[in-house]
């Protein structure tokens, strides 16, 4: 699913520990393995009217994500994990 040259960007705002810029399928997969243990629940959502994903922790929005897919491969992943900005987003969680 991941393009070999995938780029992942995460913006944690003031929470610098959440900010990342990662390149390459192996490195991005490593980030996914790390976050899979963080107790987050991912849901499809409309974020300010655009398709994306929202991660919840303790039933509160933790981060939002957008993916760019080309030829069936994920080439780019962008995450916003800045608590102040996530709180201001218009999020509509979609059914499973």
PDB file of N, CA and C in Angstrom:
ATOM      1  N   UNK A   1       0.807  -1.199   0.000  1.00  0.00           N
ATOM      2  CA  UNK A   1       0.000   0.000   0.000  1.00  0.00           C
ATOM      3  C   UNK A   1       0.850   1.263   0.000  1.00  0.00           C
ATOM      4  N   UNK A   2       2.026   1.224   0.621  1.00  0.00           N
ATOM      5  CA  UNK A   2       2.875   2.407   0.702  1.00  0.00           C
ATOM      6  C   UNK A   2       3.818   2.474  -0.495  1.00  0.00           C
ATOM      7  N   UNK A   3       3.877   3.638  -1.106  1.00  0.00           N
ATOM      8  CA  UNK A   3       4.848   3.872  -2.168  1.00  0.00           C
ATOM      9  C   UNK A   3       6.245   3.846  -1.543  1.00  0.00           C
ATOM     10  N   UNK A   4       7.250   3.332  -2.221  1.00  0.00           N
ATOM     11  CA  UNK A   4       8.599   3.281  -1.631  1.00  0.00           C
ATOM     12  C   UNK A   4       9.133   4.645  -1.194  1.00  0.00           C
ATOM     13  N   UNK A   5       8.705   5.717  -1.873  1.00  0.00           N
ATOM     14  CA  UNK A   5       9.189   7.068  -1.552  1.00  0.00           C
ATOM     15  C   UNK A   5       8.168   7.900  -0.788  1.00  0.00           C
ATOM     16  N   UNK A   6       7.256   7.252  -0.075  1.00  0.00           N
ATOM     17  CA  UNK A   6       6.222   7.960   0.677  1.00  0.00           C
ATOM     18  C   UNK A   6       6.835   9.006   1.607  1.00  0.00           C
ATOM     19  N   UNK A   7       6.077  10.081   1.809  1.00  0.00           N
ATOM     20  CA  UNK A   7       6.465  11.131   2.747  1.00  0.00           C
ATOM     21  C   UNK A   7       5.359  11.272   3.791  1.00  0.00           C
ATOM     22  N   UNK A   8       5.734  11.276   5.056  1.00  0.00           N
ATOM     23  CA  UNK A   8       4.807  11.493   6.163  1.00  0.00           C
ATOM     24  C   UNK A   8       5.196  12.795   6.843  1.00  0.00           C
ATOM     25  N   UNK A   9       4.206  13.659   7.037  1.00  0.00           N
ATOM     26  CA  UNK A   9       4.420  14.910   7.771  1.00  0.00           C
ATOM     27  C   UNK A   9       3.415  14.952   8.914  1.00  0.00           C
ATOM     28  N   UNK A  10       3.899  15.264  10.096  1.00  0.00           N
ATOM     29  CA  UNK A  10       3.015  15.413  11.254  1.00  0.00           C
ATOM     30  C   UNK A  10       3.335  16.742  11.914  1.00  0.00           C
ATOM     31  N   UNK A  11       2.308  17.537  12.146  1.00  0.00           N
ATOM     32  CA  UNK A  11       2.448  18.853  12.760  1.00  0.00           C
ATOM     33  C   UNK A  11       1.818  18.796  14.141  1.00  0.00           C
ATOM     34  N   UNK A  12       2.665  18.835  15.169  1.00  0.00           N
ATOM     35  CA  UNK A  12       2.184  18.803  16.544  1.00  0.00           C
ATOM     36  C   UNK A  12       2.042  20.176  17.158  1.00  0.00           C
ATOM     37  N   UNK A  13       2.292  21.225  16.372  1.00  0.00           N
ATOM     38  CA  UNK A  13       2.196  22.586  16.908  1.00  0.00           C
ATOM     39  C   UNK A  13       3.146  22.764  18.070  1.00  0.00           C
ATOM     40  N   UNK A  14       2.627  23.266  19.183  1.00  0.00           N
ATOM     41  CA  UNK A  14       3.444  23.508  20.374  1.00  0.00           C
ATOM     42  C   UNK A  14       3.939  22.210  21.009  1.00  0.00           C
ATOM     43  N   UNK A  15       3.304  21.081  20.662  1.00  0.00           N
ATOM     44  CA  UNK A  15       3.731  19.782  21.179  1.00  0.00           C
ATOM     45  C   UNK A  15       4.760  19.222  20.198  1.00  0.00           C
ATOM     46  N   UNK A  16       5.978  19.748  20.278  1.00  0.00           N
ATOM     47  CA  UNK A  16       7.019  19.431  19.303  1.00  0.00           C
ATOM     48  C   UNK A  16       7.297  17.938  19.195  1.00  0.00           C
ATOM     49  N   UNK A  17       7.095  17.185  20.267  1.00  0.00           N
ATOM     50  CA  UNK A  17       7.350  15.742  20.232  1.00  0.00           C
ATOM     51  C   UNK A  17       6.438  15.032  19.234  1.00  0.00           C
ATOM     52  N   UNK A  18       5.321  15.640  18.847  1.00  0.00           N
ATOM     53  CA  UNK A  18       4.405  15.025  17.893  1.00  0.00           C
ATOM     54  C   UNK A  18       4.739  15.387  16.446  1.00  0.00           C
ATOM     55  N   UNK A  19       5.647  16.337  16.231  1.00  0.00           N
ATOM     56  CA  UNK A  19       5.995  16.763  14.877  1.00  0.00           C
ATOM     57  C   UNK A  19       7.014  15.810  14.262  1.00  0.00           C
ATOM     58  N   UNK A  20       6.798  15.474  12.991  1.00  0.00           N
ATOM     59  CA  UNK A  20       7.679  14.540  12.289  1.00  0.00           C
ATOM     60  C   UNK A  20       7.722  14.888  10.803  1.00  0.00           C
ATOM     61  N   UNK A  21       8.819  14.503  10.167  1.00  0.00           N
ATOM     62  CA  UNK A  21       8.946  14.495   8.704  1.00  0.00           C
ATOM     63  C   UNK A  21       9.717  13.217   8.398  1.00  0.00           C
ATOM     64  N   UNK A  22       9.021  12.229   7.850  1.00  0.00           N
ATOM     65  CA  UNK A  22       9.590  10.902   7.649  1.00  0.00           C
ATOM     66  C   UNK A  22       9.461  10.543   6.174  1.00  0.00           C
ATOM     67  N   UNK A  23      10.528   9.956   5.605  1.00  0.00           N
ATOM     68  CA  UNK A  23      10.516   9.553   4.190  1.00  0.00           C
ATOM     69  C   UNK A  23      10.814   8.061   4.083  1.00  0.00           C
ATOM     70  N   UNK A  24      10.151   7.426   3.129  1.00  0.00           N
ATOM     71  CA  UNK A  24      10.409   6.028   2.821  1.00  0.00           C
ATOM     72  C   UNK A  24       9.438   5.084   3.505  1.00  0.00           C
ATOM     73  N   UNK A  25       9.064   4.028   2.777  1.00  0.00           N
ATOM     74  CA  UNK A  25       8.053   3.092   3.250  1.00  0.00           C
ATOM     75  C   UNK A  25       8.441   2.426   4.565  1.00  0.00           C
ATOM     76  N   UNK A  26       9.677   2.018   4.715  1.00  0.00           N
ATOM     77  CA  UNK A  26      10.091   1.334   5.946  1.00  0.00           C
ATOM     78  C   UNK A  26       9.996   2.262   7.153  1.00  0.00           C
ATOM     79  N   UNK A  27      10.458   3.495   7.004  1.00  0.00           N
ATOM     80  CA  UNK A  27      10.410   4.454   8.118  1.00  0.00           C
ATOM     81  C   UNK A  27       8.967   4.820   8.470  1.00  0.00           C
ATOM     82  N   UNK A  28       8.128   5.008   7.460  1.00  0.00           N
ATOM     83  CA  UNK A  28       6.723   5.347   7.704  1.00  0.00           C
ATOM     84  C   UNK A  28       6.007   4.176   8.377  1.00  0.00           C
ATOM     85  N   UNK A  29       6.274   2.948   7.919  1.00  0.00           N
ATOM     86  CA  UNK A  29       5.674   1.774   8.556  1.00  0.00           C
ATOM     87  C   UNK A  29       6.109   1.679  10.021  1.00  0.00           C
ATOM     88  N   UNK A  30       7.355   2.040  10.317  1.00  0.00           N
ATOM     89  CA  UNK A  30       7.821   2.051  11.701  1.00  0.00           C
ATOM     90  C   UNK A  30       7.043   3.036  12.557  1.00  0.00           C
ATOM     91  N   UNK A  31       6.736   4.197  12.011  1.00  0.00           N
ATOM     92  CA  UNK A  31       5.917   5.172  12.728  1.00  0.00           C
ATOM     93  C   UNK A  31       4.519   4.613  12.983  1.00  0.00           C
ATOM     94  N   UNK A  32       3.963   3.930  11.984  1.00  0.00           N
ATOM     95  CA  UNK A  32       2.629   3.335  12.142  1.00  0.00           C
ATOM     96  C   UNK A  32       2.635   2.286  13.248  1.00  0.00           C
ATOM     97  N   UNK A  33       3.692   1.465  13.295  1.00  0.00           N
ATOM     98  CA  UNK A  33       3.771   0.460  14.363  1.00  0.00           C
ATOM     99  C   UNK A  33       3.834   1.133  15.729  1.00  0.00           C
ATOM    100  N   UNK A  34       4.616   2.203  15.850  1.00  0.00           N
ATOM    101  CA  UNK A  34       4.738   2.911  17.123  1.00  0.00           C
ATOM    102  C   UNK A  34       3.379   3.469  17.556  1.00  0.00           C
ATOM    103  N   UNK A  35       2.681   4.152  16.645  1.00  0.00           N
ATOM    104  CA  UNK A  35       1.402   4.779  16.998  1.00  0.00           C
ATOM    105  C   UNK A  35       0.287   3.764  17.188  1.00  0.00           C
ATOM    106  N   UNK A  36       0.447   2.550  16.646  1.00  0.00           N
ATOM    107  CA  UNK A  36      -0.593   1.532  16.829  1.00  0.00           C
ATOM    108  C   UNK A  36      -0.712   1.112  18.292  1.00  0.00           C
ATOM    109  N   UNK A  37       0.300   1.412  19.090  1.00  0.00           N
ATOM    110  CA  UNK A  37       0.275   1.071  20.517  1.00  0.00           C
ATOM    111  C   UNK A  37      -0.148   2.256  21.390  1.00  0.00           C
ATOM    112  N   UNK A  38      -0.603   3.337  20.791  1.00  0.00           N
ATOM    113  CA  UNK A  38      -0.900   4.564  21.536  1.00  0.00           C
ATOM    114  C   UNK A  38      -2.345   4.656  22.030  1.00  0.00           C
ATOM    115  N   UNK A  39      -3.143   3.626  21.797  1.00  0.00           N
ATOM    116  CA  UNK A  39      -4.524   3.654  22.282  1.00  0.00           C
ATOM    117  C   UNK A  39      -5.436   4.589  21.510  1.00  0.00           C
ATOM    118  N   UNK A  40      -5.172   4.756  20.213  1.00  0.00           N
ATOM    119  CA  UNK A  40      -5.990   5.630  19.375  1.00  0.00           C
ATOM    120  C   UNK A  40      -7.004   4.805  18.591  1.00  0.00           C
ATOM    121  N   UNK A  41      -8.153   5.397  18.335  1.00  0.00           N
ATOM    122  CA  UNK A  41      -9.178   4.797  17.486  1.00  0.00           C
ATOM    123  C   UNK A  41      -9.348   5.684  16.269  1.00  0.00           C
ATOM    124  N   UNK A  42      -9.167   5.119  15.070  1.00  0.00           N
ATOM    125  CA  UNK A  42      -9.278   5.891  13.828  1.00  0.00           C
ATOM    126  C   UNK A  42     -10.678   5.748  13.248  1.00  0.00           C
ATOM    127  N   UNK A  43     -11.208   6.876  12.751  1.00  0.00           N
ATOM    128  CA  UNK A  43     -12.520   6.895  12.095  1.00  0.00           C
ATOM    129  C   UNK A  43     -12.435   7.752  10.836  1.00  0.00           C
ATOM    130  N   UNK A  44     -13.181   7.331   9.811  1.00  0.00           N
ATOM    131  CA  UNK A  44     -13.302   8.160   8.610  1.00  0.00           C
ATOM    132  C   UNK A  44     -14.096   9.402   8.977  1.00  0.00           C
ATOM    133  N   UNK A  45     -13.736  10.536   8.354  1.00  0.00           N
ATOM    134  CA  UNK A  45     -14.413  11.779   8.714  1.00  0.00           C
ATOM    135  C   UNK A  45     -14.345  12.786   7.581  1.00  0.00           C
ATOM    136  N   UNK A  46     -15.254  13.750   7.658  1.00  0.00           N
ATOM    137  CA  UNK A  46     -15.144  14.960   6.851  1.00  0.00           C
ATOM    138  C   UNK A  46     -14.505  16.003   7.756  1.00  0.00           C
ATOM    139  N   UNK A  47     -13.425  16.592   7.282  1.00  0.00           N
ATOM    140  CA  UNK A  47     -12.689  17.583   8.061  1.00  0.00           C
ATOM    141  C   UNK A  47     -12.760  18.896   7.295  1.00  0.00           C
ATOM    142  N   UNK A  48     -13.508  19.828   7.851  1.00  0.00           N
ATOM    143  CA  UNK A  48     -13.782  21.080   7.141  1.00  0.00           C
ATOM    144  C   UNK A  48     -14.299  20.796   5.733  1.00  0.00           C
ATOM    145  N   UNK A  49     -15.100  19.730   5.602  1.00  0.00           N
ATOM    146  CA  UNK A  49     -15.728  19.393   4.334  1.00  0.00           C
ATOM    147  C   UNK A  49     -14.925  18.477   3.433  1.00  0.00           C
ATOM    148  N   UNK A  50     -13.687  18.139   3.783  1.00  0.00           N
ATOM    149  CA  UNK A  50     -12.847  17.273   2.951  1.00  0.00           C
ATOM    150  C   UNK A  50     -12.697  15.895   3.603  1.00  0.00           C
ATOM    151  N   UNK A  51     -12.536  14.857   2.773  1.00  0.00           N
ATOM    152  CA  UNK A  51     -12.375  13.498   3.287  1.00  0.00           C
ATOM    153  C   UNK A  51     -11.060  13.355   4.041  1.00  0.00           C
ATOM    154  N   UNK A  52     -11.101  12.614   5.140  1.00  0.00           N
ATOM    155  CA  UNK A  52      -9.894  12.366   5.922  1.00  0.00           C
ATOM    156  C   UNK A  52     -10.168  11.357   7.016  1.00  0.00           C
ATOM    157  N   UNK A  53      -9.268  11.314   7.965  1.00  0.00           N
ATOM    158  CA  UNK A  53      -9.381  10.423   9.115  1.00  0.00           C
ATOM    159  C   UNK A  53      -9.183  11.255  10.377  1.00  0.00           C
ATOM    160  N   UNK A  54      -9.869  10.842  11.438  1.00  0.00           N
ATOM    161  CA  UNK A  54      -9.660  11.478  12.736  1.00  0.00           C
ATOM    162  C   UNK A  54      -9.318  10.373  13.730  1.00  0.00           C
ATOM    163  N   UNK A  55      -8.304  10.620  14.534  1.00  0.00           N
ATOM    164  CA  UNK A  55      -7.911   9.676  15.588  1.00  0.00           C
ATOM    165  C   UNK A  55      -8.441  10.203  16.913  1.00  0.00           C
ATOM    166  N   UNK A  56      -9.057   9.301  17.667  1.00  0.00           N
ATOM    167  CA  UNK A  56      -9.599   9.663  18.970  1.00  0.00           C
ATOM    168  C   UNK A  56      -8.782   8.992  20.067  1.00  0.00           C
ATOM    169  N   UNK A  57      -8.600   9.706  21.145  1.00  0.00           N
ATOM    170  CA  UNK A  57      -8.020   9.150  22.368  1.00  0.00           C
ATOM    171  C   UNK A  57      -8.976   9.544  23.489  1.00  0.00           C
ATOM    172  N   UNK A  58      -9.420   8.552  24.249  1.00  0.00           N
ATOM    173  CA  UNK A  58     -10.376   8.798  25.334  1.00  0.00           C
ATOM    174  C   UNK A  58     -11.607   9.549  24.820  1.00  0.00           C
ATOM    175  N   UNK A  59     -12.084   9.152  23.635  1.00  0.00           N
ATOM    176  CA  UNK A  59     -13.287   9.701  23.009  1.00  0.00           C
ATOM    177  C   UNK A  59     -13.179  11.166  22.606  1.00  0.00           C
ATOM    178  N   UNK A  60     -11.961  11.720  22.595  1.00  0.00           N
ATOM    179  CA  UNK A  60     -11.747  13.113  22.166  1.00  0.00           C
ATOM    180  C   UNK A  60     -10.840  13.114  20.947  1.00  0.00           C
ATOM    181  N   UNK A  61     -11.090  14.011  19.974  1.00  0.00           N
ATOM    182  CA  UNK A  61     -10.206  14.076  18.807  1.00  0.00           C
ATOM    183  C   UNK A  61      -8.758  14.351  19.231  1.00  0.00           C
ATOM    184  N   UNK A  62      -7.850  13.533  18.723  1.00  0.00           N
ATOM    185  CA  UNK A  62      -6.426  13.656  19.033  1.00  0.00           C
ATOM    186  C   UNK A  62      -5.657  14.217  17.839  1.00  0.00           C
ATOM    187  N   UNK A  63      -5.989  13.703  16.632  1.00  0.00           N
ATOM    188  CA  UNK A  63      -5.316  14.170  15.417  1.00  0.00           C
ATOM    189  C   UNK A  63      -6.216  13.923  14.220  1.00  0.00           C
ATOM    190  N   UNK A  64      -5.881  14.576  13.112  1.00  0.00           N
ATOM    191  CA  UNK A  64      -6.572  14.345  11.846  1.00  0.00           C
ATOM    192  C   UNK A  64      -5.525  14.011  10.796  1.00  0.00           C
ATOM    193  N   UNK A  65      -5.967  13.286   9.765  1.00  0.00           N
ATOM    194  CA  UNK A  65      -5.031  12.845   8.736  1.00  0.00           C
ATOM    195  C   UNK A  65      -5.654  12.969   7.350  1.00  0.00           C
ATOM    196  N   UNK A  66      -4.787  13.233   6.390  1.00  0.00           N
ATOM    197  CA  UNK A  66      -5.162  13.236   4.976  1.00  0.00           C
ATOM    198  C   UNK A  66      -4.122  12.401   4.231  1.00  0.00           C
ATOM    199  N   UNK A  67      -4.576  11.592   3.289  1.00  0.00           N
ATOM    200  CA  UNK A  67      -3.694  10.745   2.487  1.00  0.00           C
ATOM    201  C   UNK A  67      -3.768  11.160   1.037  1.00  0.00           C
ATOM    202  N   UNK A  68      -2.641  11.050   0.339  1.00  0.00           N
ATOM    203  CA  UNK A  68      -2.615  11.219  -1.109  1.00  0.00           C
ATOM    204  C   UNK A  68      -2.283   9.863  -1.701  1.00  0.00           C
ATOM    205  N   UNK A  69      -3.154   9.390  -2.605  1.00  0.00           N
ATOM    206  CA  UNK A  69      -2.990   8.071  -3.203  1.00  0.00           C
ATOM    207  C   UNK A  69      -2.848   8.236  -4.710  1.00  0.00           C
ATOM    208  N   UNK A  70      -1.819   7.572  -5.257  1.00  0.00           N
ATOM    209  CA  UNK A  70      -1.601   7.573  -6.704  1.00  0.00           C
ATOM    210  C   UNK A  70      -1.347   6.139  -7.151  1.00  0.00           C
ATOM    211  N   UNK A  71      -2.020   5.734  -8.202  1.00  0.00           N
ATOM    212  CA  UNK A  71      -1.843   4.388  -8.755  1.00  0.00           C
ATOM    213  C   UNK A  71      -1.943   3.305  -7.686  1.00  0.00           C
ATOM    214  N   UNK A  72      -2.879   3.480  -6.746  1.00  0.00           N
ATOM    215  CA  UNK A  72      -3.129   2.483  -5.724  1.00  0.00           C
ATOM    216  C   UNK A  72      -2.132   2.455  -4.580  1.00  0.00           C
ATOM    217  N   UNK A  73      -1.210   3.397  -4.535  1.00  0.00           N
ATOM    218  CA  UNK A  73      -0.203   3.455  -3.469  1.00  0.00           C
ATOM    219  C   UNK A  73      -0.324   4.770  -2.701  1.00  0.00           C
ATOM    220  N   UNK A  74      -0.135   4.706  -1.389  1.00  0.00           N
ATOM    221  CA  UNK A  74      -0.132   5.925  -0.574  1.00  0.00           C
ATOM    222  C   UNK A  74       1.218   6.600  -0.777  1.00  0.00           C
ATOM    223  N   UNK A  75       1.207   7.833  -1.305  1.00  0.00           N
ATOM    224  CA  UNK A  75       2.447   8.558  -1.578  1.00  0.00           C
ATOM    225  C   UNK A  75       2.716   9.658  -0.553  1.00  0.00           C
ATOM    226  N   UNK A  76       1.673  10.061   0.156  1.00  0.00           N
ATOM    227  CA  UNK A  76       1.837  11.139   1.128  1.00  0.00           C
ATOM    228  C   UNK A  76       0.820  10.976   2.252  1.00  0.00           C
ATOM    229  N   UNK A  77       1.274  11.211   3.483  1.00  0.00           N
ATOM    230  CA  UNK A  77       0.396  11.206   4.647  1.00  0.00           C
ATOM    231  C   UNK A  77       0.674  12.488   5.424  1.00  0.00           C
ATOM    232  N   UNK A  78      -0.387  13.231   5.731  1.00  0.00           N
ATOM    233  CA  UNK A  78      -0.250  14.475   6.480  1.00  0.00           C
ATOM    234  C   UNK A  78      -1.141  14.412   7.712  1.00  0.00           C
ATOM    235  N   UNK A  79      -0.532  14.657   8.864  1.00  0.00           N
ATOM    236  CA  UNK A  79      -1.250  14.602  10.137  1.00  0.00           C
ATOM    237  C   UNK A  79      -1.183  15.960  10.821  1.00  0.00           C
ATOM    238  N   UNK A  80      -2.276  16.339  11.447  1.00  0.00           N
ATOM    239  CA  UNK A  80      -2.310  17.509  12.314  1.00  0.00           C
ATOM    240  C   UNK A  80      -2.629  16.998  13.713  1.00  0.00           C
ATOM    241  N   UNK A  81      -1.689  17.204  14.627  1.00  0.00           N
ATOM    242  CA  UNK A  81      -1.868  16.734  16.004  1.00  0.00           C
ATOM    243  C   UNK A  81      -1.719  17.876  17.004  1.00  0.00           C
ATOM    244  N   UNK A  82      -1.842  19.106  16.530  1.00  0.00           N
ATOM    245  CA  UNK A  82      -1.779  20.277  17.403  1.00  0.00           C
ATOM    246  C   UNK A  82      -3.127  20.383  18.127  1.00  0.00           C
ATOM    247  N   UNK A  83      -3.154  20.145  19.434  1.00  0.00           N
ATOM    248  CA  UNK A  83      -4.431  20.108  20.155  1.00  0.00           C
ATOM    249  C   UNK A  83      -5.288  21.359  19.974  1.00  0.00           C
ATOM    250  N   UNK A  84      -4.687  22.528  19.941  1.00  0.00           N
ATOM    251  CA  UNK A  84      -5.455  23.772  19.793  1.00  0.00           C
ATOM    252  C   UNK A  84      -6.129  23.849  18.429  1.00  0.00           C
ATOM    253  N   UNK A  85      -5.397  23.507  17.360  1.00  0.00           N
ATOM    254  CA  UNK A  85      -5.969  23.582  16.014  1.00  0.00           C
ATOM    255  C   UNK A  85      -6.964  22.455  15.769  1.00  0.00           C
ATOM    256  N   UNK A  86      -6.690  21.246  16.277  1.00  0.00           N
ATOM    257  CA  UNK A  86      -7.635  20.139  16.113  1.00  0.00           C
ATOM    258  C   UNK A  86      -8.962  20.492  16.769  1.00  0.00           C
ATOM    259  N   UNK A  87      -8.921  21.137  17.925  1.00  0.00           N
ATOM    260  CA  UNK A  87     -10.147  21.499  18.648  1.00  0.00           C
ATOM    261  C   UNK A  87     -11.009  22.482  17.850  1.00  0.00           C
ATOM    262  N   UNK A  88     -10.412  23.269  16.966  1.00  0.00           N
ATOM    263  CA  UNK A  88     -11.152  24.273  16.194  1.00  0.00           C
ATOM    264  C   UNK A  88     -11.725  23.733  14.881  1.00  0.00           C
ATOM    265  N   UNK A  89     -11.376  22.498  14.511  1.00  0.00           N
ATOM    266  CA  UNK A  89     -11.825  21.953  13.226  1.00  0.00           C
ATOM    267  C   UNK A  89     -13.293  21.556  13.273  1.00  0.00           C
ATOM    268  N   UNK A  90     -13.928  21.637  12.121  1.00  0.00           N
ATOM    269  CA  UNK A  90     -15.295  21.161  11.945  1.00  0.00           C
ATOM    270  C   UNK A  90     -15.183  19.701  11.508  1.00  0.00           C
ATOM    271  N   UNK A  91     -15.405  18.767  12.455  1.00  0.00           N
ATOM    272  CA  UNK A  91     -15.250  17.333  12.192  1.00  0.00           C
ATOM    273  C   UNK A  91     -16.620  16.655  12.129  1.00  0.00           C
ATOM    274  N   UNK A  92     -16.839  15.890  11.083  1.00  0.00           N
ATOM    275  CA  UNK A  92     -18.040  15.067  10.953  1.00  0.00           C
ATOM    276  C   UNK A  92     -17.579  13.635  10.783  1.00  0.00           C
ATOM    277  N   UNK A  93     -17.722  12.822  11.828  1.00  0.00           N
ATOM    278  CA  UNK A  93     -17.302  11.428  11.758  1.00  0.00           C
ATOM    279  C   UNK A  93     -18.327  10.657  10.934  1.00  0.00           C
ATOM    280  N   UNK A  94     -17.827   9.837  10.006  1.00  0.00           N
ATOM    281  CA  UNK A  94     -18.682   9.061   9.110  1.00  0.00           C
ATOM    282  C   UNK A  94     -18.889   7.663   9.681  1.00  0.00           C
ATOM    283  N   UNK A  95     -20.007   7.020   9.332  1.00  0.00           N
ATOM    284  CA  UNK A  95     -20.291   5.672   9.803  1.00  0.00           C
ATOM    285  C   UNK A  95     -19.289   4.662   9.289  1.00  0.00           C
ATOM    286  N   UNK A  96     -19.232   3.515   9.955  1.00  0.00           N
ATOM    287  CA  UNK A  96     -18.291   2.460   9.554  1.00  0.00           C
ATOM    288  C   UNK A  96     -18.691   1.804   8.261  1.00  0.00           C
TER     289      UNK A  96
END
